[in-house]
C-alpha atoms as a PDB file:
ATOM      1  CA  MET A   1      -3.098   2.119  94.911  1.00  0.00           C
ATOM      2  CA  SER A   2      -0.564   0.990  97.427  1.00  0.00           C
ATOM      3  CA  GLN A   3       2.808   2.736  97.376  1.00  0.00           C
ATOM      4  CA  ASN A   4       4.678  -0.579  97.767  1.00  0.00           C
ATOM      5  CA  LEU A   5       3.762  -1.947  94.349  1.00  0.00           C
ATOM      6  CA  THR A   6       6.477  -2.605  91.795  1.00  0.00           C
ATOM      7  CA  ASP A   7       6.198  -1.194  88.291  1.00  0.00           C
ATOM      8  CA  LYS A   8       5.362  -4.694  87.004  1.00  0.00           C
ATOM      9  CA  GLN A   9       2.580  -5.076  89.545  1.00  0.00           C
ATOM     10  CA  LYS A  10       1.134  -1.670  88.665  1.00  0.00           C
ATOM     11  CA  LEU A  11       1.213  -2.575  84.984  1.00  0.00           C
ATOM     12  CA  PHE A  12      -0.442  -5.921  85.699  1.00  0.00           C
ATOM     13  CA  ILE A  13      -3.295  -4.198  87.552  1.00  0.00           C
ATOM     14  CA  GLU A  14      -3.750  -1.741  84.688  1.00  0.00           C
ATOM     15  CA  TYR A  15      -3.720  -4.389  81.950  1.00  0.00           C
ATOM     16  CA  PHE A  16      -5.908  -6.817  83.879  1.00  0.00           C
ATOM     17  CA  SER A  17      -8.511  -4.163  84.627  1.00  0.00           C
ATOM     18  CA  GLN A  18      -8.720  -3.495  80.881  1.00  0.00           C
ATOM     19  CA  THR A  19      -8.721  -7.068  79.572  1.00  0.00           C
ATOM     20  CA  GLY A  20      -9.625  -9.501  82.349  1.00  0.00           C
ATOM     21  CA  ASN A  21      -6.927 -11.861  81.061  1.00  0.00           C
ATOM     22  CA  ALA A  22      -4.427 -12.663  83.816  1.00  0.00           C
ATOM     23  CA  THR A  23      -1.899 -14.556  81.680  1.00  0.00           C
ATOM     24  CA  GLN A  24      -1.685 -11.951  78.922  1.00  0.00           C
ATOM     25  CA  SER A  25      -1.608  -9.147  81.487  1.00  0.00           C
ATOM     26  CA  ALA A  26       1.342 -10.800  83.204  1.00  0.00           C
ATOM     27  CA  ILE A  27       3.203 -11.131  79.904  1.00  0.00           C
ATOM     28  CA  LYS A  28       2.510  -7.507  78.906  1.00  0.00           C
ATOM     29  CA  SER A  29       3.696  -6.424  82.349  1.00  0.00           C
ATOM     30  CA  GLY A  30       7.069  -8.030  81.852  1.00  0.00           C
ATOM     31  CA  TYR A  31       6.703 -11.407  83.545  1.00  0.00           C
ATOM     32  CA  SER A  32       8.182 -14.456  81.847  1.00  0.00           C
ATOM     33  CA  GLU A  33       5.942 -16.215  79.335  1.00  0.00           C
ATOM     34  CA  LYS A  34       6.964 -19.504  80.961  1.00  0.00           C
ATOM     35  CA  THR A  35       5.518 -18.479  84.322  1.00  0.00           C
ATOM     36  CA  ALA A  36       2.878 -15.990  83.167  1.00  0.00           C
ATOM     37  CA  GLU A  37      -0.092 -18.256  83.807  1.00  0.00           C
ATOM     38  CA  GLN A  38       0.887 -18.901  87.418  1.00  0.00           C
ATOM     39  CA  GLN A  39       2.052 -15.326  87.985  1.00  0.00           C
ATOM     40  CA  GLY A  40      -1.176 -13.969  86.534  1.00  0.00           C
ATOM     41  CA  TYR A  41      -3.266 -16.196  88.772  1.00  0.00           C
ATOM     42  CA  GLU A  42      -1.330 -15.156  91.881  1.00  0.00           C
ATOM     43  CA  LEU A  43      -1.296 -11.446  90.997  1.00  0.00           C
ATOM     44  CA  LYS A  44      -5.014 -11.464  90.199  1.00  0.00           C
ATOM     45  CA  ASN A  45      -5.779 -12.861  93.632  1.00  0.00           C
ATOM     46  CA  LYS A  46      -3.197 -10.818  95.513  1.00  0.00           C
ATOM     47  CA  PHE A  47      -4.323  -7.506  94.025  1.00  0.00           C
ATOM     48  CA  ALA A  48      -8.056  -8.157  93.661  1.00  0.00           C
ATOM     49  CA  LYS A  49      -8.948  -4.991  95.581  1.00  0.00           C
ATOM     50  CA  GLU A  50      -6.600  -2.805  93.518  1.00  0.00           C
ATOM     51  CA  ILE A  51      -7.945  -4.358  90.298  1.00  0.00           C
ATOM     52  CA  GLU A  52     -11.517  -3.738  91.406  1.00  0.00           C
ATOM     53  CA  ASP A  53     -10.734  -0.113  92.265  1.00  0.00           C
ATOM     54  CA  ARG A  54      -8.960   0.464  88.926  1.00  0.00           C
ATOM     55  CA  THR A  55     -11.790  -1.172  86.977  1.00  0.00           C
ATOM     56  CA  LYS A  56     -14.400   0.989  88.725  1.00  0.00           C
ATOM     57  CA  LYS A  57     -12.346   4.099  87.974  1.00  0.00           C
ATOM     58  CA  ALA A  58     -12.046   3.145  84.306  1.00  0.00           C
ATOM     59  CA  ILE A  59     -15.804   2.657  84.052  1.00  0.00           C
ATOM     60  CA  LYS A  60     -16.495   5.912  85.871  1.00  0.00           C
ATOM     61  CA  ASP A  61     -14.062   7.784  83.614  1.00  0.00           C
ATOM     62  CA  SER A  62     -15.716   6.451  80.442  1.00  0.00           C
ATOM     63  CA  ILE A  63     -19.272   7.482  81.364  1.00  0.00           C
ATOM     64  CA  PRO A  64     -19.102  11.083  80.039  1.00  0.00           C
ATOM     65  CA  ALA A  65     -17.822   9.917  76.639  1.00  0.00           C
ATOM     66  CA  ALA A  66     -20.489   7.208  76.453  1.00  0.00           C
ATOM     67  CA  ILE A  67     -23.249   9.699  77.239  1.00  0.00           C
ATOM     68  CA  ALA A  68     -21.899  12.120  74.650  1.00  0.00           C
ATOM     69  CA  MET A  69     -21.879   9.367  72.022  1.00  0.00           C
ATOM     70  CA  LEU A  70     -25.441   8.345  72.853  1.00  0.00           C
ATOM     71  CA  ASN A  71     -26.593  11.954  72.585  1.00  0.00           C
ATOM     72  CA  HIS A  72     -24.823  12.293  69.262  1.00  0.00           C
ATOM     73  CA  LEU A  73     -26.489   9.135  67.942  1.00  0.00           C
ATOM     74  CA  MET A  74     -29.930  10.181  69.204  1.00  0.00           C
ATOM     75  CA  ASN A  75     -29.670  13.537  67.455  1.00  0.00           C
ATOM     76  CA  ASN A  76     -27.644  12.796  64.326  1.00  0.00           C
ATOM     77  CA  ALA A  77     -28.028   9.187  63.248  1.00  0.00           C
ATOM     78  CA  GLU A  78     -29.605   8.704  59.830  1.00  0.00           C
ATOM     79  CA  SER A  79     -31.260   5.450  60.823  1.00  0.00           C
ATOM     80  CA  GLU A  80     -34.336   5.606  63.032  1.00  0.00           C
ATOM     81  CA  SER A  81     -33.422   2.230  64.509  1.00  0.00           C
ATOM     82  CA  VAL A  82     -30.020   3.597  65.574  1.00  0.00           C
ATOM     83  CA  LYS A  83     -31.691   6.608  67.145  1.00  0.00           C
ATOM     84  CA  LEU A  84     -34.138   4.352  68.962  1.00  0.00           C
ATOM     85  CA  GLY A  85     -31.301   2.093  70.111  1.00  0.00           C
ATOM     86  CA  ALA A  86     -29.444   5.082  71.508  1.00  0.00           C
ATOM     87  CA  VAL A  87     -32.498   6.155  73.476  1.00  0.00           C
END
């Protein structure tokens, strides 16, 4: 992430990469509710690359936990359909 980002901008990127909602991400980041829709739209476009990078990192970071959960379900689920779904 660029070193020149403000704390609000960093928060926006984080929230948007988690939710995909620009307006709510702007509000949670500290932007005014009155201007959040416009701010969210502008921030989403301005920081598209940073959002993409953060989203990819979040997905990459969640893979080990997802695999562990699938393995757990395959080996321990009581329902055969759950086991099959995990496979």
